[in-house]
Protein backbone atom coordinates (compact mmCIF):
# COMPACT_ATOMS: atom_id res chain seq x y z
CA MET A 1 4.71 -29.79 2.51
CA GLU A 2 4.03 -26.15 3.15
CA ILE A 3 0.93 -25.69 1.00
CA GLU A 4 -1.89 -23.18 1.29
CA ILE A 5 -4.72 -22.87 -1.23
CA LYS A 6 -6.71 -19.65 -1.50
CA ALA A 7 -9.68 -18.77 -3.72
CA THR A 8 -11.36 -15.56 -4.83
CA LYS A 9 -13.85 -14.07 -7.28
CA ASP A 10 -12.43 -10.57 -6.68
CA LEU A 11 -10.40 -9.44 -9.69
CA ALA A 12 -8.80 -6.70 -7.55
CA SER A 13 -7.43 -9.19 -5.01
CA GLN A 14 -3.83 -10.31 -4.58
CA ILE A 15 -4.99 -13.91 -5.08
CA TYR A 16 -6.29 -13.07 -8.56
CA GLN A 17 -3.12 -11.11 -9.36
CA ASP A 18 -1.05 -14.15 -8.35
CA ALA A 19 -3.22 -16.42 -10.54
CA LEU A 20 -2.77 -14.06 -13.47
CA MET A 21 1.01 -13.93 -12.98
CA ILE A 22 1.21 -17.74 -13.14
CA ARG A 23 -1.03 -17.92 -16.21
CA LYS A 24 0.95 -15.22 -18.05
CA GLU A 25 4.18 -17.08 -17.37
CA VAL A 26 2.86 -20.51 -18.39
CA PHE A 27 0.33 -19.82 -21.13
CA VAL A 28 1.48 -16.54 -22.67
CA LYS A 29 5.29 -16.76 -22.32
CA GLU A 30 5.87 -20.54 -22.45
CA GLN A 31 3.07 -21.63 -24.78
CA GLY A 32 2.58 -18.49 -26.88
CA VAL A 33 -1.12 -17.99 -26.12
CA ASP A 34 -2.36 -14.52 -27.08
CA MET A 35 -2.99 -12.39 -23.98
CA ALA A 36 -6.48 -11.45 -25.19
CA LEU A 37 -7.44 -15.15 -25.35
CA GLU A 38 -5.90 -15.79 -21.95
CA LEU A 39 -7.99 -13.05 -20.33
CA ASP A 40 -11.28 -14.35 -21.75
CA GLY A 41 -14.10 -14.79 -19.22
CA GLU A 42 -12.30 -13.59 -16.08
CA LEU A 43 -15.37 -12.17 -14.34
CA GLY A 44 -17.51 -14.85 -12.67
CA PRO A 45 -15.22 -17.85 -12.12
CA THR A 46 -13.59 -18.67 -8.80
CA HIS A 47 -9.83 -18.28 -9.13
CA TYR A 48 -7.64 -20.61 -7.04
CA VAL A 49 -3.96 -20.22 -6.20
CA LEU A 50 -1.80 -22.80 -4.49
CA TYR A 51 0.99 -21.21 -2.46
CA TYR A 52 4.06 -23.34 -1.81
CA LYS A 53 6.28 -22.12 1.02
CA GLY A 54 4.43 -18.78 0.80
CA LYS A 55 4.97 -18.26 -2.94
CA PRO A 56 2.32 -18.57 -5.69
CA ALA A 57 3.09 -21.79 -7.55
CA ALA A 58 -0.06 -23.19 -9.24
CA THR A 59 -3.48 -21.95 -10.28
CA ALA A 60 -6.86 -22.97 -11.72
CA ARG A 61 -10.29 -21.43 -12.08
CA THR A 62 -13.76 -22.94 -11.88
CA SER A 63 -17.18 -21.90 -13.09
CA PHE A 64 -20.57 -23.55 -12.64
CA GLU A 65 -22.22 -25.06 -15.70
CA GLN A 66 -25.40 -27.14 -15.60
CA ALA A 67 -24.85 -29.60 -12.72
CA GLY A 68 -21.05 -29.47 -12.81
CA TRP A 69 -17.98 -27.31 -12.46
CA HIS A 70 -15.84 -26.40 -15.45
CA ILE A 71 -12.16 -26.28 -14.50
CA GLN A 72 -9.94 -24.04 -16.62
CA ARG A 73 -6.50 -22.44 -16.71
CA VAL A 74 -4.73 -25.14 -14.69
CA ALA A 75 -1.08 -24.09 -14.58
CA THR A 76 2.03 -24.62 -12.49
CA LEU A 77 5.12 -22.43 -12.70
CA LYS A 78 8.03 -24.30 -14.29
CA SER A 79 10.21 -24.23 -11.15
CA TYR A 80 7.45 -25.94 -9.13
CA ARG A 81 6.54 -28.74 -11.55
CA LYS A 82 6.95 -32.41 -10.59
CA LEU A 83 6.14 -31.63 -6.92
CA GLY A 84 2.51 -32.79 -7.17
CA LEU A 85 1.14 -29.29 -6.60
CA ALA A 86 -1.47 -29.37 -9.39
CA LYS A 87 -2.73 -32.67 -7.97
CA HIS A 88 -3.14 -31.00 -4.55
CA LEU A 89 -4.96 -28.07 -6.13
CA LEU A 90 -7.33 -30.27 -8.13
CA SER A 91 -8.01 -32.43 -5.06
CA LYS A 92 -9.02 -29.29 -3.13
CA ILE A 93 -11.33 -28.21 -5.97
CA GLU A 94 -12.86 -31.70 -6.07
CA GLU A 95 -13.37 -31.66 -2.29
CA GLU A 96 -15.18 -28.31 -2.52
CA ALA A 97 -17.26 -29.58 -5.45
CA ARG A 98 -18.35 -32.65 -3.47
CA GLN A 99 -19.28 -30.44 -0.48
CA SER A 100 -21.35 -28.31 -2.86
CA LYS A 101 -23.11 -31.46 -4.20
CA VAL A 102 -21.69 -30.96 -7.70
CA ALA A 103 -22.36 -33.97 -9.95
CA TYR A 104 -19.27 -33.77 -12.17
CA LEU A 105 -16.10 -31.89 -13.06
CA THR A 106 -15.18 -31.12 -16.66
CA LEU A 107 -12.15 -29.55 -18.28
CA GLY A 108 -10.46 -29.08 -21.62
CA ALA A 109 -7.12 -30.83 -21.19
CA GLN A 110 -4.17 -30.11 -23.41
CA ASP A 111 -3.42 -33.43 -25.10
CA SER A 112 0.05 -33.41 -23.52
CA ALA A 113 -1.60 -33.39 -20.05
CA GLN A 114 -4.15 -36.17 -20.61
CA GLY A 115 -2.11 -38.74 -18.70
CA PHE A 116 -2.03 -36.48 -15.64
CA TYR A 117 -5.82 -36.06 -15.62
CA THR A 118 -6.44 -39.75 -16.34
CA LYS A 119 -4.49 -40.64 -13.16
CA LEU A 120 -6.86 -38.33 -11.25
CA GLY A 121 -9.92 -40.18 -12.56
CA TYR A 122 -10.89 -38.03 -15.56
CA GLN A 123 -12.01 -39.66 -18.82
CA VAL A 124 -11.74 -38.33 -22.37
CA VAL A 125 -15.11 -37.36 -23.86
CA GLY A 126 -15.63 -36.87 -27.60
CA ALA A 127 -13.37 -35.59 -30.35
CA GLY A 128 -10.40 -33.32 -29.89
CA PHE A 129 -10.41 -29.59 -30.51
CA LEU A 130 -8.00 -26.69 -30.78
CA ASP A 131 -7.94 -23.98 -28.10
CA ALA A 132 -5.49 -21.12 -28.68
CA GLY A 133 -3.93 -23.30 -31.37
CA ILE A 134 -3.18 -26.12 -28.89
CA ALA A 135 -4.72 -29.63 -29.21
CA HIS A 136 -7.18 -30.40 -26.38
CA HIS A 137 -9.78 -33.00 -25.43
CA ARG A 138 -12.70 -32.62 -23.08
CA MET A 139 -12.25 -34.73 -19.95
CA ASP A 140 -14.92 -35.39 -17.32
CA LYS A 141 -14.95 -36.85 -13.83
CA SER A 142 -18.21 -37.98 -12.28
CA LEU A 143 -18.51 -37.25 -8.57
CA GLN A 144 -20.46 -39.81 -6.60
CA ILE A 145 -22.62 -37.77 -4.27
CA LYS A 146 -23.35 -39.53 -1.00
CA GLU A 147 -26.71 -38.83 0.55
CA ASN A 148 -26.79 -38.43 4.33
């Protein structure tokens, strides 16, 4: 597979622009999320884009909270779904988290995506909630940190 994953905190970068393009397509156009809600909290997180055969295909962002990383805005363009790209992207984020000695990953999964995250080792935590009018549940994954 021709995959490259890039990350940035620079909102003026092409990587961020590619992330935003994917999110607009998936969240705003497909799911009807208000653009103002979609652009909440852009400054600070690390924005990741997975490029497939040189084209932006999937995205996510992470921010540090307590001893863990909060993963948000996981999205794959419709024409690239079912290729395992989001799994590759989340594996890269997990690898970086482990290298950074992060204790856990957390995310708010749309209920329709719970099965995907469960297969990656995430577990549902607590009651459901609505985000942008879409049913979600918090899901966490503990990272076993190996001491050298």
